[in-house]
Amino acid sequence: MADEAFTVTIKGPGVSVEQKVSRELANRAVLLVLSGGTTTAKPTLEAPARQEPPRPEGDEPPPSISEFFAAHAAKRHIEKITAIGQFLKQYAGKATVGRSDLVAQFELASEPPPKNLGRDLDWAVKVGWIAPQSDDPDKYYVTRSGLEAVQKSFPDDLRGKTKITQGARRKKRTAKESKANP
């Protein structure tokens, strides 16, 4: 296959560059951006399936995220968030996950991401299944109790303990009540 041309675009305050580059240069740019400049690995723009390390004969391929959800009975958003964190740690070697990782995994599972992801992250932190990384509070790791919940497939007794009840809703006041009690 001929060396394809890739387009690299960089935009920022006072800068707007769009340049056609070779595959090799595009690979290096992608690796530099994704790693934050901290890796010396050889870059590649191959599909993730092609980047998978070789498995010894007889080893099974890793499950998809949907299969992982099903195998661990992850049903609620906080369970899926915790399961995603464990899945990425176990199969992708990622110690922490951010919002973009979570959204991407929900999309790979053909599920819409939570409409209020921040609330669900806070809920998962509150029940102790994930925790923010100390040096980067936008990244989360699965805690021991989160790992245990995933391994036990989120049993019903654990689900009951992790329910968060809504506060009492305020009753709408009628105009007459508002005048009487301002």
Foldseek 3Di string as FASTA:
>chain_A
DPFDWDWDWDDDVVDTDIDTDTQQVVQVVVCCVVVVNPDPDRGHPDPPVVVADDDPPPDDDDDQLLVLCVVLVQDDLLLSVLSLQVSCCVRVVDQKDAPVSSCVSCVSNVHHHDPCVVVSVVLNVVLPQWAADPVGRRIIGGDPVVVVCSVNSNDPVNVVVSDDDDDDDDDDDDPVRVVVPD
